[in-house]
Amino acid sequence: MNTLSSHVLDTTNGRPAKGIALTLTYPDGSTAEGITNDDGRFNGWAENSAKGFEAGTYTLRFHCQEYLLSNHSKSFYPHIDIAFELEENGGHYHVPLLISPFGFSSYRGS
């Protein structure tokens, strides 16, 4: 069974990014919404599917402009899309995002 979580860290402040809206697009084009908590995390995707996530290509959109403008007065990115592929029975997938007003990076976390 595949599960999914995410975490957003503000590398300028060295703190979690609270209140960033997320949109997950499934391989079939349907979507689900979430928002990062006080620790910059969201793991409610598992609640949306009791069977876990099927294999396929997903896109996770981080709607970061509002957060960056309110915390840094600048935002080069209105949103950041990360496309990733889940394998059959791949286990837990964690998609972290490190952001600043003018840069970002991601990787497969644990």
PDB file of N, CA and C in Angstrom:
ATOM      1  N   MET A   1       0.835  -1.178   0.000  1.00  0.00           N
ATOM      2  CA  MET A   1       0.000   0.000   0.000  1.00  0.00           C
ATOM      3  C   MET A   1       0.885   1.248   0.000  1.00  0.00           C
ATOM      4  N   ASN A   2       0.521   2.240  -0.797  1.00  0.00           N
ATOM      5  CA  ASN A   2       1.246   3.500  -0.854  1.00  0.00           C
ATOM      6  C   ASN A   2       0.562   4.553   0.011  1.00  0.00           C
ATOM      7  N   THR A   3       1.367   5.285   0.758  1.00  0.00           N
ATOM      8  CA  THR A   3       0.875   6.432   1.519  1.00  0.00           C
ATOM      9  C   THR A   3       1.703   7.646   1.112  1.00  0.00           C
ATOM     10  N   LEU A   4       1.195   8.834   1.456  1.00  0.00           N
ATOM     11  CA  LEU A   4       1.827  10.061   0.997  1.00  0.00           C
ATOM     12  C   LEU A   4       1.748  11.138   2.073  1.00  0.00           C
ATOM     13  N   SER A   5       2.841  11.861   2.251  1.00  0.00           N
ATOM     14  CA  SER A   5       2.863  13.013   3.148  1.00  0.00           C
ATOM     15  C   SER A   5       3.744  14.090   2.524  1.00  0.00           C
ATOM     16  N   SER A   6       3.680  15.290   3.091  1.00  0.00           N
ATOM     17  CA  SER A   6       4.501  16.388   2.601  1.00  0.00           C
ATOM     18  C   SER A   6       4.893  17.297   3.755  1.00  0.00           C
ATOM     19  N   HIS A   7       5.926  18.095   3.514  1.00  0.00           N
ATOM     20  CA  HIS A   7       6.458  18.993   4.526  1.00  0.00           C
ATOM     21  C   HIS A   7       7.056  20.183   3.788  1.00  0.00           C
ATOM     22  N   VAL A   8       6.780  21.391   4.248  1.00  0.00           N
ATOM     23  CA  VAL A   8       7.348  22.590   3.625  1.00  0.00           C
ATOM     24  C   VAL A   8       8.171  23.332   4.670  1.00  0.00           C
ATOM     25  N   LEU A   9       9.421  23.603   4.324  1.00  0.00           N
ATOM     26  CA  LEU A   9      10.321  24.352   5.200  1.00  0.00           C
ATOM     27  C   LEU A   9      10.746  25.637   4.516  1.00  0.00           C
ATOM     28  N   ASP A  10      10.697  26.730   5.237  1.00  0.00           N
ATOM     29  CA  ASP A  10      11.139  28.033   4.764  1.00  0.00           C
ATOM     30  C   ASP A  10      12.624  28.139   5.074  1.00  0.00           C
ATOM     31  N   THR A  11      13.460  28.064   4.043  1.00  0.00           N
ATOM     32  CA  THR A  11      14.906  28.055   4.276  1.00  0.00           C
ATOM     33  C   THR A  11      15.454  29.431   4.636  1.00  0.00           C
ATOM     34  N   THR A  12      14.712  30.491   4.333  1.00  0.00           N
ATOM     35  CA  THR A  12      15.149  31.834   4.713  1.00  0.00           C
ATOM     36  C   THR A  12      15.012  32.037   6.212  1.00  0.00           C
ATOM     37  N   ASN A  13      13.871  31.599   6.756  1.00  0.00           N
ATOM     38  CA  ASN A  13      13.622  31.735   8.199  1.00  0.00           C
ATOM     39  C   ASN A  13      14.136  30.554   9.003  1.00  0.00           C
ATOM     40  N   GLY A  14      14.392  29.439   8.329  1.00  0.00           N
ATOM     41  CA  GLY A  14      14.794  28.232   9.045  1.00  0.00           C
ATOM     42  C   GLY A  14      13.657  27.644   9.866  1.00  0.00           C
ATOM     43  N   ARG A  15      12.414  27.796   9.357  1.00  0.00           N
ATOM     44  CA  ARG A  15      11.223  27.334  10.086  1.00  0.00           C
ATOM     45  C   ARG A  15      10.238  26.639   9.162  1.00  0.00           C
ATOM     46  N   PRO A  16       9.325  25.880   9.746  1.00  0.00           N
ATOM     47  CA  PRO A  16       8.254  25.281   8.938  1.00  0.00           C
ATOM     48  C   PRO A  16       7.379  26.362   8.308  1.00  0.00           C
ATOM     49  N   ALA A  17       6.840  26.070   7.141  1.00  0.00           N
ATOM     50  CA  ALA A  17       5.956  26.993   6.425  1.00  0.00           C
ATOM     51  C   ALA A  17       4.509  26.599   6.687  1.00  0.00           C
ATOM     52  N   LYS A  18       3.879  27.314   7.596  1.00  0.00           N
ATOM     53  CA  LYS A  18       2.499  27.051   8.018  1.00  0.00           C
ATOM     54  C   LYS A  18       1.512  27.712   7.054  1.00  0.00           C
ATOM     55  N   GLY A  19       0.425  26.994   6.760  1.00  0.00           N
ATOM     56  CA  GLY A  19      -0.694  27.569   6.025  1.00  0.00           C
ATOM     57  C   GLY A  19      -0.552  27.586   4.521  1.00  0.00           C
ATOM     58  N   ILE A  20       0.307  26.770   3.959  1.00  0.00           N
ATOM     59  CA  ILE A  20       0.428  26.702   2.501  1.00  0.00           C
ATOM     60  C   ILE A  20      -0.608  25.721   1.973  1.00  0.00           C
ATOM     61  N   ALA A  21      -1.436  26.202   1.057  1.00  0.00           N
ATOM     62  CA  ALA A  21      -2.452  25.349   0.432  1.00  0.00           C
ATOM     63  C   ALA A  21      -1.784  24.396  -0.551  1.00  0.00           C
ATOM     64  N   LEU A  22      -2.307  23.180  -0.598  1.00  0.00           N
ATOM     65  CA  LEU A  22      -1.777  22.131  -1.470  1.00  0.00           C
ATOM     66  C   LEU A  22      -2.895  21.578  -2.340  1.00  0.00           C
ATOM     67  N   THR A  23      -2.557  21.242  -3.573  1.00  0.00           N
ATOM     68  CA  THR A  23      -3.485  20.543  -4.455  1.00  0.00           C
ATOM     69  C   THR A  23      -2.768  19.326  -5.008  1.00  0.00           C
ATOM     70  N   LEU A  24      -3.338  18.159  -4.772  1.00  0.00           N
ATOM     71  CA  LEU A  24      -2.795  16.915  -5.300  1.00  0.00           C
ATOM     72  C   LEU A  24      -3.627  16.508  -6.505  1.00  0.00           C
ATOM     73  N   THR A  25      -2.966  16.308  -7.633  1.00  0.00           N
ATOM     74  CA  THR A  25      -3.647  15.835  -8.841  1.00  0.00           C
ATOM     75  C   THR A  25      -3.297  14.368  -9.047  1.00  0.00           C
ATOM     76  N   TYR A  26      -4.326  13.541  -9.102  1.00  0.00           N
ATOM     77  CA  TYR A  26      -4.181  12.096  -9.280  1.00  0.00           C
ATOM     78  C   TYR A  26      -3.938  11.762 -10.752  1.00  0.00           C
ATOM     79  N   PRO A  27      -3.478  10.548 -11.047  1.00  0.00           N
ATOM     80  CA  PRO A  27      -3.239  10.161 -12.439  1.00  0.00           C
ATOM     81  C   PRO A  27      -4.477  10.305 -13.336  1.00  0.00           C
ATOM     82  N   ASP A  28      -5.664  10.168 -12.768  1.00  0.00           N
ATOM     83  CA  ASP A  28      -6.885  10.285 -13.577  1.00  0.00           C
ATOM     84  C   ASP A  28      -7.365  11.731 -13.733  1.00  0.00           C
ATOM     85  N   GLY A  29      -6.625  12.691 -13.158  1.00  0.00           N
ATOM     86  CA  GLY A  29      -6.982  14.096 -13.276  1.00  0.00           C
ATOM     87  C   GLY A  29      -7.811  14.646 -12.125  1.00  0.00           C
ATOM     88  N   SER A  30      -8.320  13.786 -11.253  1.00  0.00           N
ATOM     89  CA  SER A  30      -9.070  14.268 -10.096  1.00  0.00           C
ATOM     90  C   SER A  30      -8.104  14.919  -9.109  1.00  0.00           C
ATOM     91  N   THR A  31      -8.639  15.729  -8.196  1.00  0.00           N
ATOM     92  CA  THR A  31      -7.781  16.458  -7.277  1.00  0.00           C
ATOM     93  C   THR A  31      -8.267  16.326  -5.836  1.00  0.00           C
ATOM     94  N   ALA A  32      -7.369  16.621  -4.916  1.00  0.00           N
ATOM     95  CA  ALA A  32      -7.670  16.699  -3.488  1.00  0.00           C
ATOM     96  C   ALA A  32      -6.917  17.912  -2.952  1.00  0.00           C
ATOM     97  N   GLU A  33      -7.436  18.501  -1.873  1.00  0.00           N
ATOM     98  CA  GLU A  33      -6.857  19.714  -1.304  1.00  0.00           C
ATOM     99  C   GLU A  33      -6.348  19.453   0.106  1.00  0.00           C
ATOM    100  N   GLY A  34      -5.380  20.234   0.513  1.00  0.00           N
ATOM    101  CA  GLY A  34      -4.862  20.171   1.873  1.00  0.00           C
ATOM    102  C   GLY A  34      -4.207  21.496   2.218  1.00  0.00           C
ATOM    103  N   ILE A  35      -3.750  21.610   3.464  1.00  0.00           N
ATOM    104  CA  ILE A  35      -3.045  22.816   3.913  1.00  0.00           C
ATOM    105  C   ILE A  35      -2.035  22.417   4.985  1.00  0.00           C
ATOM    106  N   THR A  36      -0.860  23.024   4.941  1.00  0.00           N
ATOM    107  CA  THR A  36       0.172  22.656   5.905  1.00  0.00           C
ATOM    108  C   THR A  36      -0.192  23.142   7.306  1.00  0.00           C
ATOM    109  N   ASN A  37       0.158  22.339   8.299  1.00  0.00           N
ATOM    110  CA  ASN A  37      -0.154  22.662   9.698  1.00  0.00           C
ATOM    111  C   ASN A  37       0.940  23.541  10.300  1.00  0.00           C
ATOM    112  N   ASP A  38       0.891  23.733  11.612  1.00  0.00           N
ATOM    113  CA  ASP A  38       1.865  24.588  12.308  1.00  0.00           C
ATOM    114  C   ASP A  38       3.300  24.122  12.132  1.00  0.00           C
ATOM    115  N   ASP A  39       3.488  22.834  11.876  1.00  0.00           N
ATOM    116  CA  ASP A  39       4.821  22.279  11.670  1.00  0.00           C
ATOM    117  C   ASP A  39       5.172  22.190  10.185  1.00  0.00           C
ATOM    118  N   GLY A  40       4.350  22.811   9.312  1.00  0.00           N
ATOM    119  CA  GLY A  40       4.607  22.797   7.880  1.00  0.00           C
ATOM    120  C   GLY A  40       4.305  21.469   7.211  1.00  0.00           C
ATOM    121  N   ARG A  41       3.597  20.592   7.916  1.00  0.00           N
ATOM    122  CA  ARG A  41       3.344  19.243   7.400  1.00  0.00           C
ATOM    123  C   ARG A  41       1.887  19.053   6.983  1.00  0.00           C
ATOM    124  N   PHE A  42       1.699  18.125   6.045  1.00  0.00           N
ATOM    125  CA  PHE A  42       0.355  17.659   5.715  1.00  0.00           C
ATOM    126  C   PHE A  42       0.448  16.176   5.385  1.00  0.00           C
ATOM    127  N   ASN A  43      -0.332  15.378   6.108  1.00  0.00           N
ATOM    128  CA  ASN A  43      -0.357  13.936   5.840  1.00  0.00           C
ATOM    129  C   ASN A  43      -1.787  13.433   5.739  1.00  0.00           C
ATOM    130  N   GLY A  44      -2.734  14.314   5.501  1.00  0.00           N
ATOM    131  CA  GLY A  44      -4.135  13.938   5.382  1.00  0.00           C
ATOM    132  C   GLY A  44      -4.491  13.236   4.096  1.00  0.00           C
ATOM    133  N   TRP A  45      -3.539  13.110   3.168  1.00  0.00           N
ATOM    134  CA  TRP A  45      -3.853  12.414   1.912  1.00  0.00           C
ATOM    135  C   TRP A  45      -4.272  10.980   2.190  1.00  0.00           C
ATOM    136  N   ALA A  46      -3.656  10.343   3.174  1.00  0.00           N
ATOM    137  CA  ALA A  46      -3.995   8.948   3.484  1.00  0.00           C
ATOM    138  C   ALA A  46      -5.454   8.836   3.902  1.00  0.00           C
ATOM    139  N   GLU A  47      -5.993   9.871   4.535  1.00  0.00           N
ATOM    140  CA  GLU A  47      -7.395   9.860   4.958  1.00  0.00           C
ATOM    141  C   GLU A  47      -8.343   9.885   3.765  1.00  0.00           C
ATOM    142  N   ASN A  48      -7.836  10.340   2.617  1.00  0.00           N
ATOM    143  CA  ASN A  48      -8.677  10.439   1.431  1.00  0.00           C
ATOM    144  C   ASN A  48      -8.791   9.111   0.684  1.00  0.00           C
ATOM    145  N   SER A  49      -7.994   8.141   1.047  1.00  0.00           N
ATOM    146  CA  SER A  49      -8.031   6.860   0.353  1.00  0.00           C
ATOM    147  C   SER A  49      -7.663   5.740   1.322  1.00  0.00           C
ATOM    148  N   ALA A  50      -8.641   4.986   1.765  1.00  0.00           N
ATOM    149  CA  ALA A  50      -8.406   3.895   2.717  1.00  0.00           C
ATOM    150  C   ALA A  50      -7.534   2.797   2.114  1.00  0.00           C
ATOM    151  N   LYS A  51      -7.517   2.679   0.791  1.00  0.00           N
ATOM    152  CA  LYS A  51      -6.722   1.655   0.120  1.00  0.00           C
ATOM    153  C   LYS A  51      -5.315   2.138  -0.218  1.00  0.00           C
ATOM    154  N   GLY A  52      -5.007   3.377   0.113  1.00  0.00           N
ATOM    155  CA  GLY A  52      -3.715   3.933  -0.271  1.00  0.00           C
ATOM    156  C   GLY A  52      -3.779   4.473  -1.690  1.00  0.00           C
ATOM    157  N   PHE A  53      -2.636   4.771  -2.228  1.00  0.00           N
ATOM    158  CA  PHE A  53      -2.549   5.384  -3.551  1.00  0.00           C
ATOM    159  C   PHE A  53      -2.128   4.352  -4.591  1.00  0.00           C
ATOM    160  N   GLU A  54      -2.805   4.372  -5.714  1.00  0.00           N
ATOM    161  CA  GLU A  54      -2.451   3.485  -6.813  1.00  0.00           C
ATOM    162  C   GLU A  54      -1.153   3.964  -7.455  1.00  0.00           C
ATOM    163  N   ALA A  55      -0.490   3.061  -8.153  1.00  0.00           N
ATOM    164  CA  ALA A  55       0.704   3.430  -8.908  1.00  0.00           C
ATOM    165  C   ALA A  55       0.318   4.433  -9.981  1.00  0.00           C
ATOM    166  N   GLY A  56       1.232   5.330 -10.296  1.00  0.00           N
ATOM    167  CA  GLY A  56       0.980   6.302 -11.354  1.00  0.00           C
ATOM    168  C   GLY A  56       1.705   7.605 -11.086  1.00  0.00           C
ATOM    169  N   THR A  57       1.515   8.551 -11.995  1.00  0.00           N
ATOM    170  CA  THR A  57       2.151   9.858 -11.895  1.00  0.00           C
ATOM    171  C   THR A  57       1.188  10.854 -11.275  1.00  0.00           C
ATOM    172  N   TYR A  58       1.646  11.521 -10.237  1.00  0.00           N
ATOM    173  CA  TYR A  58       0.876  12.503  -9.482  1.00  0.00           C
ATOM    174  C   TYR A  58       1.573  13.860  -9.587  1.00  0.00           C
ATOM    175  N   THR A  59       0.826  14.918  -9.353  1.00  0.00           N
ATOM    176  CA  THR A  59       1.412  16.257  -9.260  1.00  0.00           C
ATOM    177  C   THR A  59       0.933  16.895  -7.970  1.00  0.00           C
ATOM    178  N   LEU A  60       1.875  17.423  -7.221  1.00  0.00           N
ATOM    179  CA  LEU A  60       1.562  18.126  -5.989  1.00  0.00           C
ATOM    180  C   LEU A  60       1.888  19.599  -6.209  1.00  0.00           C
ATOM    181  N   ARG A  61       0.847  20.439  -6.136  1.00  0.00           N
ATOM    182  CA  ARG A  61       1.021  21.885  -6.304  1.00  0.00           C
ATOM    183  C   ARG A  61       1.038  22.545  -4.933  1.00  0.00           C
ATOM    184  N   PHE A  62       2.087  23.312  -4.698  1.00  0.00           N
ATOM    185  CA  PHE A  62       2.244  24.096  -3.483  1.00  0.00           C
ATOM    186  C   PHE A  62       1.887  25.544  -3.846  1.00  0.00           C
ATOM    187  N   HIS A  63       0.809  26.062  -3.299  1.00  0.00           N
ATOM    188  CA  HIS A  63       0.369  27.427  -3.570  1.00  0.00           C
ATOM    189  C   HIS A  63       1.107  28.349  -2.595  1.00  0.00           C
ATOM    190  N   CYS A  64       2.322  28.746  -2.956  1.00  0.00           N
ATOM    191  CA  CYS A  64       3.229  29.377  -2.002  1.00  0.00           C
ATOM    192  C   CYS A  64       3.289  30.899  -2.075  1.00  0.00           C
ATOM    193  N   GLN A  65       2.692  31.524  -3.081  1.00  0.00           N
ATOM    194  CA  GLN A  65       2.843  32.962  -3.243  1.00  0.00           C
ATOM    195  C   GLN A  65       2.346  33.761  -2.037  1.00  0.00           C
ATOM    196  N   GLU A  66       1.167  33.470  -1.550  1.00  0.00           N
ATOM    197  CA  GLU A  66       0.626  34.206  -0.408  1.00  0.00           C
ATOM    198  C   GLU A  66       1.549  34.101   0.808  1.00  0.00           C
ATOM    199  N   TYR A  67       2.031  32.884   1.073  1.00  0.00           N
ATOM    200  CA  TYR A  67       2.940  32.679   2.199  1.00  0.00           C
ATOM    201  C   TYR A  67       4.217  33.501   2.018  1.00  0.00           C
ATOM    202  N   LEU A  68       4.832  33.407   0.840  1.00  0.00           N
ATOM    203  CA  LEU A  68       6.093  34.109   0.610  1.00  0.00           C
ATOM    204  C   LEU A  68       5.921  35.620   0.673  1.00  0.00           C
ATOM    205  N   LEU A  69       4.835  36.133   0.112  1.00  0.00           N
ATOM    206  CA  LEU A  69       4.603  37.578   0.177  1.00  0.00           C
ATOM    207  C   LEU A  69       4.396  38.049   1.612  1.00  0.00           C
ATOM    208  N   SER A  70       3.635  37.308   2.385  1.00  0.00           N
ATOM    209  CA  SER A  70       3.359  37.747   3.758  1.00  0.00           C
ATOM    210  C   SER A  70       4.562  37.571   4.685  1.00  0.00           C
ATOM    211  N   ASN A  71       5.460  36.658   4.369  1.00  0.00           N
ATOM    212  CA  ASN A  71       6.615  36.423   5.237  1.00  0.00           C
ATOM    213  C   ASN A  71       7.905  37.076   4.742  1.00  0.00           C
ATOM    214  N   HIS A  72       7.971  37.387   3.433  1.00  0.00           N
ATOM    215  CA  HIS A  72       9.215  37.920   2.871  1.00  0.00           C
ATOM    216  C   HIS A  72       9.001  39.123   1.953  1.00  0.00           C
ATOM    217  N   SER A  73       7.772  39.497   1.705  1.00  0.00           N
ATOM    218  CA  SER A  73       7.419  40.615   0.821  1.00  0.00           C
ATOM    219  C   SER A  73       7.841  40.406  -0.628  1.00  0.00           C
ATOM    220  N   LYS A  74       8.281  39.213  -0.967  1.00  0.00           N
ATOM    221  CA  LYS A  74       8.689  38.878  -2.332  1.00  0.00           C
ATOM    222  C   LYS A  74       8.286  37.438  -2.626  1.00  0.00           C
ATOM    223  N   SER A  75       7.930  37.201  -3.898  1.00  0.00           N
ATOM    224  CA  SER A  75       7.646  35.831  -4.321  1.00  0.00           C
ATOM    225  C   SER A  75       7.852  35.728  -5.823  1.00  0.00           C
ATOM    226  N   PHE A  76       8.874  35.017  -6.229  1.00  0.00           N
ATOM    227  CA  PHE A  76       9.106  34.764  -7.638  1.00  0.00           C
ATOM    228  C   PHE A  76       8.155  33.678  -8.144  1.00  0.00           C
ATOM    229  N   TYR A  77       7.679  32.831  -7.239  1.00  0.00           N
ATOM    230  CA  TYR A  77       6.859  31.673  -7.593  1.00  0.00           C
ATOM    231  C   TYR A  77       5.415  31.839  -7.118  1.00  0.00           C
ATOM    232  N   PRO A  78       4.436  31.893  -8.034  1.00  0.00           N
ATOM    233  CA  PRO A  78       3.039  31.895  -7.598  1.00  0.00           C
ATOM    234  C   PRO A  78       2.636  30.523  -7.046  1.00  0.00           C
ATOM    235  N   HIS A  79       3.235  29.483  -7.611  1.00  0.00           N
ATOM    236  CA  HIS A  79       3.040  28.115  -7.123  1.00  0.00           C
ATOM    237  C   HIS A  79       4.213  27.270  -7.609  1.00  0.00           C
ATOM    238  N   ILE A  80       4.371  26.128  -6.982  1.00  0.00           N
ATOM    239  CA  ILE A  80       5.417  25.181  -7.367  1.00  0.00           C
ATOM    240  C   ILE A  80       4.759  23.832  -7.569  1.00  0.00           C
ATOM    241  N   ASP A  81       4.947  23.259  -8.750  1.00  0.00           N
ATOM    242  CA  ASP A  81       4.419  21.931  -9.060  1.00  0.00           C
ATOM    243  C   ASP A  81       5.543  20.905  -9.011  1.00  0.00           C
ATOM    244  N   ILE A  82       5.295  19.816  -8.307  1.00  0.00           N
ATOM    245  CA  ILE A  82       6.239  18.708  -8.272  1.00  0.00           C
ATOM    246  C   ILE A  82       5.504  17.468  -8.763  1.00  0.00           C
ATOM    247  N   ALA A  83       5.951  16.950  -9.886  1.00  0.00           N
ATOM    248  CA  ALA A  83       5.392  15.712 -10.438  1.00  0.00           C
ATOM    249  C   ALA A  83       6.267  14.560  -9.962  1.00  0.00           C
ATOM    250  N   PHE A  84       5.632  13.459  -9.572  1.00  0.00           N
ATOM    251  CA  PHE A  84       6.375  12.302  -9.082  1.00  0.00           C
ATOM    252  C   PHE A  84       5.595  11.045  -9.413  1.00  0.00           C
ATOM    253  N   GLU A  85       6.298   9.935  -9.388  1.00  0.00           N
ATOM    254  CA  GLU A  85       5.694   8.660  -9.763  1.00  0.00           C
ATOM    255  C   GLU A  85       5.694   7.695  -8.582  1.00  0.00           C
ATOM    256  N   LEU A  86       4.531   7.157  -8.281  1.00  0.00           N
ATOM    257  CA  LEU A  86       4.400   6.132  -7.249  1.00  0.00           C
ATOM    258  C   LEU A  86       4.428   4.762  -7.916  1.00  0.00           C
ATOM    259  N   GLU A  87       5.187   3.853  -7.336  1.00  0.00           N
ATOM    260  CA  GLU A  87       5.253   2.480  -7.835  1.00  0.00           C
ATOM    261  C   GLU A  87       4.229   1.619  -7.114  1.00  0.00           C
ATOM    262  N   GLU A  88       3.891   0.522  -7.699  1.00  0.00           N
ATOM    263  CA  GLU A  88       2.988  -0.439  -7.058  1.00  0.00           C
ATOM    264  C   GLU A  88       3.626  -0.922  -5.768  1.00  0.00           C
ATOM    265  N   ASN A  89       2.900  -0.826  -4.651  1.00  0.00           N
ATOM    266  CA  ASN A  89       3.390  -1.245  -3.335  1.00  0.00           C
ATOM    267  C   ASN A  89       4.738  -0.610  -2.991  1.00  0.00           C
ATOM    268  N   GLY A  90       4.868   0.688  -3.284  1.00  0.00           N
ATOM    269  CA  GLY A  90       6.126   1.404  -3.035  1.00  0.00           C
ATOM    270  C   GLY A  90       6.307   1.845  -1.602  1.00  0.00           C
ATOM    271  N   GLY A  91       5.247   1.697  -0.788  1.00  0.00           N
ATOM    272  CA  GLY A  91       5.363   2.074   0.624  1.00  0.00           C
ATOM    273  C   GLY A  91       5.010   3.525   0.859  1.00  0.00           C
ATOM    274  N   HIS A  92       5.746   4.153   1.772  1.00  0.00           N
ATOM    275  CA  HIS A  92       5.453   5.542   2.111  1.00  0.00           C
ATOM    276  C   HIS A  92       6.274   6.481   1.238  1.00  0.00           C
ATOM    277  N   TYR A  93       5.608   7.473   0.690  1.00  0.00           N
ATOM    278  CA  TYR A  93       6.257   8.514  -0.094  1.00  0.00           C
ATOM    279  C   TYR A  93       6.115   9.828   0.658  1.00  0.00           C
ATOM    280  N   HIS A  94       7.230  10.537   0.792  1.00  0.00           N
ATOM    281  CA  HIS A  94       7.230  11.839   1.456  1.00  0.00           C
ATOM    282  C   HIS A  94       7.812  12.846   0.470  1.00  0.00           C
ATOM    283  N   VAL A  95       7.057  13.914   0.198  1.00  0.00           N
ATOM    284  CA  VAL A  95       7.490  14.928  -0.760  1.00  0.00           C
ATOM    285  C   VAL A  95       7.725  16.238  -0.009  1.00  0.00           C
ATOM    286  N   PRO A  96       8.956  16.490   0.422  1.00  0.00           N
ATOM    287  CA  PRO A  96       9.262  17.735   1.111  1.00  0.00           C
ATOM    288  C   PRO A  96       9.588  18.841   0.108  1.00  0.00           C
ATOM    289  N   LEU A  97       9.335  20.067   0.520  1.00  0.00           N
ATOM    290  CA  LEU A  97       9.676  21.231  -0.289  1.00  0.00           C
ATOM    291  C   LEU A  97      10.418  22.215   0.595  1.00  0.00           C
ATOM    292  N   LEU A  98      11.575  22.654   0.122  1.00  0.00           N
ATOM    293  CA  LEU A  98      12.353  23.704   0.774  1.00  0.00           C
ATOM    294  C   LEU A  98      12.166  24.953  -0.067  1.00  0.00           C
ATOM    295  N   ILE A  99      11.666  26.045   0.544  1.00  0.00           N
ATOM    296  CA  ILE A  99      11.381  27.240  -0.245  1.00  0.00           C
ATOM    297  C   ILE A  99      12.042  28.489   0.334  1.00  0.00           C
ATOM    298  N   SER A 100      12.258  29.437  -0.548  1.00  0.00           N
ATOM    299  CA  SER A 100      12.640  30.806  -0.217  1.00  0.00           C
ATOM    300  C   SER A 100      11.970  31.666  -1.291  1.00  0.00           C
ATOM    301  N   PRO A 101      12.003  32.973  -1.176  1.00  0.00           N
ATOM    302  CA  PRO A 101      11.334  33.802  -2.177  1.00  0.00           C
ATOM    303  C   PRO A 101      11.846  33.601  -3.604  1.00  0.00           C
ATOM    304  N   PHE A 102      13.100  33.143  -3.758  1.00  0.00           N
ATOM    305  CA  PHE A 102      13.681  33.040  -5.092  1.00  0.00           C
ATOM    306  C   PHE A 102      14.285  31.671  -5.408  1.00  0.00           C
ATOM    307  N   GLY A 103      13.924  30.653  -4.626  1.00  0.00           N
ATOM    308  CA  GLY A 103      14.463  29.329  -4.906  1.00  0.00           C
ATOM    309  C   GLY A 103      13.679  28.248  -4.193  1.00  0.00           C
ATOM    310  N   PHE A 104      13.805  27.025  -4.690  1.00  0.00           N
ATOM    311  CA  PHE A 104      13.174  25.876  -4.042  1.00  0.00           C
ATOM    312  C   PHE A 104      13.923  24.608  -4.421  1.00  0.00           C
ATOM    313  N   SER A 105      13.730  23.574  -3.615  1.00  0.00           N
ATOM    314  CA  SER A 105      14.239  22.248  -3.958  1.00  0.00           C
ATOM    315  C   SER A 105      13.338  21.209  -3.290  1.00  0.00           C
ATOM    316  N   SER A 106      13.416  20.007  -3.801  1.00  0.00           N
ATOM    317  CA  SER A 106      12.639  18.900  -3.284  1.00  0.00           C
ATOM    318  C   SER A 106      13.429  17.603  -3.476  1.00  0.00           C
ATOM    319  N   TYR A 107      12.978  16.578  -2.812  1.00  0.00           N
ATOM    320  CA  TYR A 107      13.604  15.266  -2.910  1.00  0.00           C
ATOM    321  C   TYR A 107      12.603  14.255  -2.385  1.00  0.00           C
ATOM    322  N   ARG A 108      12.874  12.966  -2.564  1.00  0.00           N
ATOM    323  CA  ARG A 108      12.013  11.950  -1.950  1.00  0.00           C
ATOM    324  C   ARG A 108      12.487  11.732  -0.523  1.00  0.00           C
ATOM    325  N   GLY A 109      11.671  12.130   0.407  1.00  0.00           N
ATOM    326  CA  GLY A 109      12.014  11.963   1.814  1.00  0.00           C
ATOM    327  C   GLY A 109      11.512  10.634   2.351  1.00  0.00           C
ATOM    328  N   SER A 110      11.573  10.505   3.672  1.00  0.00           N
ATOM    329  CA  SER A 110      11.120   9.264   4.295  1.00  0.00           C
ATOM    330  C   SER A 110      10.079   9.537   5.353  1.00  0.00           C
TER     331      SER A 110
END
